């Protein structure tokens, strides 16, 4: 899986470099984010800019990562959401829980407020 992690002013930015985030890739994706959370990372931003498709397992995975982060006293946000992915988040109700931002910089700014 094409996945990178950077840090910017206390925020871990997980960049997904795939166009489709689906079941076969979720183990590696989830493991990377879970490791950040278990290592004490309080602010996590997942950049989904290139992702044009997610399946229901991906939505479940994102919700699980949101719950893990919240349970650890942290915050998980998404950025760079494409229209089709936004539709899936809205249809499943995930967008009621996970904060979504149009771009990475806008999301980073909200961590500093």
N, C-alpha and C. Protein backbone atom coordinates (compact mmCIF):
# COMPACT_ATOMS: atom_id res chain seq x y z
N UNK A 1 0.84 -1.18 0.00
CA UNK A 1 0.00 0.00 0.00
C UNK A 1 0.88 1.24 0.00
N UNK A 2 0.50 2.23 -0.76
CA UNK A 2 1.21 3.49 -0.82
C UNK A 2 0.68 4.39 0.30
N UNK A 3 1.47 4.51 1.36
CA UNK A 3 1.06 5.24 2.56
C UNK A 3 2.28 5.93 3.14
N UNK A 4 2.16 7.22 3.43
CA UNK A 4 3.26 7.94 4.06
C UNK A 4 2.73 8.69 5.28
N UNK A 5 3.62 8.93 6.23
CA UNK A 5 3.26 9.68 7.42
C UNK A 5 4.27 10.79 7.63
N UNK A 6 3.76 11.99 7.78
CA UNK A 6 4.58 13.16 8.09
C UNK A 6 4.06 13.78 9.37
N UNK A 7 4.85 14.68 9.93
CA UNK A 7 4.42 15.40 11.13
C UNK A 7 4.55 16.90 10.88
N UNK A 8 3.54 17.64 11.34
CA UNK A 8 3.52 19.09 11.18
C UNK A 8 2.95 19.69 12.45
N UNK A 9 3.80 20.31 13.24
CA UNK A 9 3.38 21.01 14.45
C UNK A 9 2.51 20.15 15.37
N UNK A 10 2.96 18.93 15.62
CA UNK A 10 2.24 18.04 16.53
C UNK A 10 1.13 17.22 15.91
N UNK A 11 0.90 17.38 14.62
CA UNK A 11 -0.15 16.63 13.93
C UNK A 11 0.51 15.57 13.05
N UNK A 12 0.07 14.32 13.20
CA UNK A 12 0.54 13.25 12.31
C UNK A 12 -0.36 13.27 11.08
N UNK A 13 0.25 13.42 9.92
CA UNK A 13 -0.50 13.45 8.66
C UNK A 13 -0.25 12.14 7.94
N UNK A 14 -1.30 11.34 7.83
CA UNK A 14 -1.21 10.06 7.14
C UNK A 14 -1.77 10.28 5.73
N UNK A 15 -0.90 10.15 4.74
CA UNK A 15 -1.30 10.38 3.35
C UNK A 15 -1.50 9.04 2.64
N UNK A 16 -2.72 8.82 2.20
CA UNK A 16 -3.04 7.61 1.45
C UNK A 16 -2.76 7.89 -0.02
N UNK A 17 -1.89 7.10 -0.62
CA UNK A 17 -1.49 7.32 -2.00
C UNK A 17 -2.17 6.38 -2.98
N UNK A 18 -3.32 5.86 -2.62
CA UNK A 18 -4.07 4.94 -3.48
C UNK A 18 -5.32 5.67 -4.00
N UNK A 19 -5.82 5.23 -5.15
CA UNK A 19 -7.07 5.81 -5.66
C UNK A 19 -8.28 5.08 -5.11
N UNK A 20 -8.07 3.86 -4.64
CA UNK A 20 -9.17 3.08 -4.08
C UNK A 20 -8.74 2.53 -2.71
N UNK A 21 -9.48 2.86 -1.69
CA UNK A 21 -9.21 2.35 -0.35
C UNK A 21 -10.25 1.28 -0.07
N UNK A 22 -9.81 0.02 -0.14
CA UNK A 22 -10.74 -1.10 0.00
C UNK A 22 -10.16 -2.18 0.91
N UNK A 23 -10.98 -3.17 1.17
CA UNK A 23 -10.66 -4.23 2.13
C UNK A 23 -9.23 -4.77 2.07
N UNK A 24 -8.71 -5.15 0.93
CA UNK A 24 -7.37 -5.76 0.96
C UNK A 24 -6.28 -4.84 1.53
N UNK A 25 -6.48 -3.52 1.48
CA UNK A 25 -5.47 -2.57 1.94
C UNK A 25 -5.67 -2.12 3.39
N UNK A 26 -6.80 -2.45 3.95
CA UNK A 26 -7.17 -1.87 5.24
C UNK A 26 -6.29 -2.32 6.40
N UNK A 27 -5.79 -3.52 6.35
CA UNK A 27 -4.95 -4.02 7.45
C UNK A 27 -3.71 -3.15 7.61
N UNK A 28 -3.03 -2.88 6.53
CA UNK A 28 -1.83 -2.04 6.59
C UNK A 28 -2.17 -0.60 6.98
N UNK A 29 -3.23 -0.07 6.40
CA UNK A 29 -3.67 1.29 6.70
C UNK A 29 -4.04 1.42 8.17
N UNK A 30 -4.90 0.54 8.64
CA UNK A 30 -5.35 0.58 10.02
C UNK A 30 -4.18 0.38 10.99
N UNK A 31 -3.29 -0.54 10.65
CA UNK A 31 -2.13 -0.79 11.51
C UNK A 31 -1.24 0.43 11.66
N UNK A 32 -1.05 1.16 10.57
CA UNK A 32 -0.19 2.35 10.62
C UNK A 32 -0.80 3.42 11.53
N UNK A 33 -2.09 3.65 11.39
CA UNK A 33 -2.75 4.68 12.21
C UNK A 33 -2.86 4.23 13.66
N UNK A 34 -3.19 2.96 13.87
CA UNK A 34 -3.29 2.44 15.24
C UNK A 34 -1.96 2.54 15.96
N UNK A 35 -0.87 2.29 15.27
CA UNK A 35 0.46 2.42 15.88
C UNK A 35 0.71 3.86 16.33
N UNK A 36 0.33 4.81 15.50
CA UNK A 36 0.48 6.23 15.89
C UNK A 36 -0.28 6.51 17.18
N UNK A 37 -1.53 6.05 17.23
CA UNK A 37 -2.38 6.30 18.40
C UNK A 37 -1.79 5.62 19.64
N UNK A 38 -1.37 4.37 19.50
CA UNK A 38 -0.80 3.64 20.64
C UNK A 38 0.50 4.26 21.12
N UNK A 39 1.20 4.95 20.22
CA UNK A 39 2.45 5.62 20.59
C UNK A 39 2.22 7.02 21.14
N UNK A 40 0.96 7.36 21.41
CA UNK A 40 0.65 8.62 22.06
C UNK A 40 0.32 9.79 21.15
N UNK A 41 0.16 9.54 19.86
CA UNK A 41 -0.18 10.62 18.94
C UNK A 41 -1.62 11.06 19.20
N UNK A 42 -1.79 12.33 19.57
CA UNK A 42 -3.11 12.86 19.92
C UNK A 42 -3.85 13.49 18.74
N UNK A 43 -3.12 13.95 17.75
CA UNK A 43 -3.74 14.64 16.61
C UNK A 43 -3.37 13.89 15.32
N UNK A 44 -4.40 13.36 14.66
CA UNK A 44 -4.19 12.57 13.46
C UNK A 44 -5.04 13.14 12.32
N UNK A 45 -4.38 13.40 11.21
CA UNK A 45 -5.06 13.86 10.00
C UNK A 45 -4.82 12.83 8.91
N UNK A 46 -5.90 12.32 8.34
CA UNK A 46 -5.78 11.37 7.24
C UNK A 46 -6.13 12.11 5.95
N UNK A 47 -5.14 12.21 5.07
CA UNK A 47 -5.32 12.89 3.79
C UNK A 47 -5.70 11.86 2.73
N UNK A 48 -6.92 11.99 2.23
CA UNK A 48 -7.45 11.05 1.25
C UNK A 48 -7.55 11.67 -0.14
N UNK A 49 -6.73 12.68 -0.42
CA UNK A 49 -6.82 13.42 -1.68
C UNK A 49 -6.91 12.56 -2.94
N UNK A 50 -6.08 11.53 -3.12
CA UNK A 50 -6.17 10.76 -4.36
C UNK A 50 -7.27 9.70 -4.38
N UNK A 51 -7.91 9.48 -3.23
CA UNK A 51 -8.88 8.39 -3.11
C UNK A 51 -10.21 8.79 -3.74
N UNK A 52 -10.63 8.04 -4.75
CA UNK A 52 -11.91 8.31 -5.41
C UNK A 52 -12.97 7.27 -5.06
N UNK A 53 -12.57 6.19 -4.37
CA UNK A 53 -13.53 5.15 -4.02
C UNK A 53 -13.16 4.52 -2.69
N UNK A 54 -14.17 4.34 -1.83
CA UNK A 54 -14.01 3.57 -0.60
C UNK A 54 -15.17 2.58 -0.52
N UNK A 55 -14.92 1.43 0.08
CA UNK A 55 -16.00 0.47 0.28
C UNK A 55 -16.50 0.57 1.72
N UNK A 56 -17.52 -0.22 2.03
CA UNK A 56 -18.11 -0.15 3.37
C UNK A 56 -17.11 -0.56 4.45
N UNK A 57 -16.22 -1.47 4.13
CA UNK A 57 -15.20 -1.88 5.10
C UNK A 57 -14.28 -0.70 5.43
N UNK A 58 -14.00 0.13 4.45
CA UNK A 58 -13.15 1.32 4.67
C UNK A 58 -13.83 2.31 5.60
N UNK A 59 -15.13 2.49 5.41
CA UNK A 59 -15.89 3.40 6.29
C UNK A 59 -15.85 2.85 7.72
N UNK A 60 -16.05 1.55 7.85
CA UNK A 60 -15.97 0.93 9.18
C UNK A 60 -14.60 1.10 9.80
N UNK A 61 -13.58 0.97 8.99
CA UNK A 61 -12.20 1.15 9.46
C UNK A 61 -11.97 2.58 9.94
N UNK A 62 -12.41 3.55 9.17
CA UNK A 62 -12.26 4.96 9.55
C UNK A 62 -13.00 5.24 10.86
N UNK A 63 -14.19 4.66 11.01
CA UNK A 63 -14.95 4.86 12.26
C UNK A 63 -14.22 4.23 13.44
N UNK A 64 -13.64 3.05 13.22
CA UNK A 64 -12.88 2.39 14.28
C UNK A 64 -11.67 3.23 14.69
N UNK A 65 -10.97 3.78 13.71
CA UNK A 65 -9.82 4.63 14.00
C UNK A 65 -10.25 5.90 14.73
N UNK A 66 -11.39 6.44 14.35
CA UNK A 66 -11.96 7.61 15.05
C UNK A 66 -12.21 7.25 16.52
N UNK A 67 -12.83 6.09 16.76
CA UNK A 67 -13.13 5.67 18.14
C UNK A 67 -11.85 5.44 18.94
N UNK A 68 -10.86 4.82 18.32
CA UNK A 68 -9.58 4.59 19.01
C UNK A 68 -8.94 5.92 19.41
N UNK A 69 -8.95 6.87 18.48
CA UNK A 69 -8.34 8.17 18.75
C UNK A 69 -9.07 8.89 19.87
N UNK A 70 -10.40 8.89 19.79
CA UNK A 70 -11.21 9.55 20.83
C UNK A 70 -11.00 8.89 22.19
N UNK A 71 -10.93 7.57 22.22
CA UNK A 71 -10.72 6.85 23.48
C UNK A 71 -9.36 7.18 24.10
N UNK A 72 -8.40 7.53 23.26
CA UNK A 72 -7.06 7.89 23.73
C UNK A 72 -6.96 9.39 24.04
N UNK A 73 -8.10 10.10 23.94
CA UNK A 73 -8.12 11.53 24.24
C UNK A 73 -7.65 12.39 23.09
N UNK A 74 -7.63 11.84 21.90
CA UNK A 74 -7.15 12.58 20.73
C UNK A 74 -8.24 12.94 19.74
N UNK A 75 -7.79 13.42 18.58
CA UNK A 75 -8.70 13.87 17.53
C UNK A 75 -8.22 13.32 16.20
N UNK A 76 -9.16 12.80 15.41
CA UNK A 76 -8.88 12.32 14.07
C UNK A 76 -9.75 13.10 13.09
N UNK A 77 -9.12 13.62 12.04
CA UNK A 77 -9.83 14.38 11.01
C UNK A 77 -9.43 13.87 9.64
N UNK A 78 -10.25 14.17 8.65
CA UNK A 78 -9.97 13.79 7.27
C UNK A 78 -9.82 15.04 6.41
N UNK A 79 -9.00 14.94 5.37
CA UNK A 79 -8.87 16.05 4.42
C UNK A 79 -8.80 15.50 3.00
N UNK A 80 -9.07 16.39 2.04
CA UNK A 80 -8.94 16.04 0.63
C UNK A 80 -9.98 15.05 0.15
N UNK A 81 -11.17 15.13 0.69
CA UNK A 81 -12.22 14.15 0.36
C UNK A 81 -12.80 14.44 -1.03
N UNK A 82 -12.76 13.43 -1.89
CA UNK A 82 -13.38 13.53 -3.21
C UNK A 82 -14.90 13.37 -3.06
N UNK A 83 -15.64 13.85 -4.04
CA UNK A 83 -17.10 13.86 -3.98
C UNK A 83 -17.70 12.48 -3.70
N UNK A 84 -17.24 11.47 -4.41
CA UNK A 84 -17.79 10.12 -4.24
C UNK A 84 -17.53 9.59 -2.82
N UNK A 85 -16.36 9.87 -2.28
CA UNK A 85 -16.03 9.44 -0.93
C UNK A 85 -16.89 10.21 0.08
N UNK A 86 -17.07 11.49 -0.16
CA UNK A 86 -17.93 12.31 0.71
C UNK A 86 -19.35 11.76 0.74
N UNK A 87 -19.84 11.35 -0.42
CA UNK A 87 -21.18 10.77 -0.50
C UNK A 87 -21.27 9.52 0.37
N UNK A 88 -20.26 8.67 0.30
CA UNK A 88 -20.25 7.45 1.13
C UNK A 88 -20.21 7.80 2.63
N UNK A 89 -19.41 8.77 3.00
CA UNK A 89 -19.33 9.18 4.40
C UNK A 89 -20.67 9.71 4.88
N UNK A 90 -21.33 10.48 4.04
CA UNK A 90 -22.63 11.05 4.38
C UNK A 90 -23.70 9.97 4.47
N UNK A 91 -23.73 9.08 3.49
CA UNK A 91 -24.74 8.01 3.47
C UNK A 91 -24.65 7.10 4.68
N UNK A 92 -23.45 6.86 5.15
CA UNK A 92 -23.26 5.96 6.29
C UNK A 92 -23.34 6.68 7.63
N UNK A 93 -23.39 8.00 7.60
CA UNK A 93 -23.45 8.76 8.84
C UNK A 93 -22.10 9.03 9.47
N UNK A 94 -21.03 8.56 8.84
CA UNK A 94 -19.69 8.74 9.41
C UNK A 94 -19.32 10.21 9.51
N UNK A 95 -19.82 11.03 8.59
CA UNK A 95 -19.48 12.44 8.58
C UNK A 95 -20.07 13.19 9.78
N UNK A 96 -21.01 12.56 10.48
CA UNK A 96 -21.55 13.17 11.70
C UNK A 96 -20.53 13.09 12.84
N UNK A 97 -19.59 12.18 12.71
CA UNK A 97 -18.59 11.98 13.77
C UNK A 97 -17.21 12.48 13.37
N UNK A 98 -16.79 12.14 12.18
CA UNK A 98 -15.45 12.48 11.73
C UNK A 98 -15.46 13.82 11.02
N UNK A 99 -14.64 14.73 11.50
CA UNK A 99 -14.54 16.07 10.90
C UNK A 99 -13.83 15.97 9.55
N UNK A 100 -14.43 16.59 8.53
CA UNK A 100 -13.91 16.52 7.17
C UNK A 100 -13.56 17.93 6.69
N UNK A 101 -12.39 18.05 6.06
CA UNK A 101 -11.94 19.34 5.53
C UNK A 101 -11.56 19.20 4.06
N UNK A 102 -11.75 20.27 3.33
CA UNK A 102 -11.49 20.25 1.88
C UNK A 102 -10.03 20.01 1.57
N UNK A 103 -9.13 20.60 2.36
CA UNK A 103 -7.70 20.46 2.06
C UNK A 103 -6.90 20.30 3.34
N UNK A 104 -5.67 19.88 3.16
CA UNK A 104 -4.80 19.59 4.29
C UNK A 104 -4.53 20.82 5.14
N UNK A 105 -4.22 21.93 4.52
CA UNK A 105 -3.89 23.14 5.28
C UNK A 105 -5.07 23.61 6.12
N UNK A 106 -6.26 23.57 5.54
CA UNK A 106 -7.46 23.95 6.28
C UNK A 106 -7.67 23.07 7.50
N UNK A 107 -7.43 21.78 7.33
CA UNK A 107 -7.56 20.85 8.46
C UNK A 107 -6.50 21.12 9.51
N UNK A 108 -5.26 21.33 9.07
CA UNK A 108 -4.17 21.62 10.02
C UNK A 108 -4.48 22.86 10.84
N UNK A 109 -5.04 23.87 10.20
CA UNK A 109 -5.39 25.11 10.91
C UNK A 109 -6.38 24.85 12.04
N UNK A 110 -7.31 23.90 11.85
CA UNK A 110 -8.31 23.64 12.88
C UNK A 110 -7.71 22.95 14.10
N UNK A 111 -6.60 22.24 13.93
CA UNK A 111 -5.94 21.62 15.07
C UNK A 111 -5.31 22.69 15.97
N UNK A 112 -5.03 23.85 15.43
CA UNK A 112 -4.35 24.91 16.18
C UNK A 112 -5.33 25.86 16.86
N UNK A 113 -6.60 25.71 16.59
CA UNK A 113 -7.61 26.64 17.17
C UNK A 113 -7.84 26.36 18.63
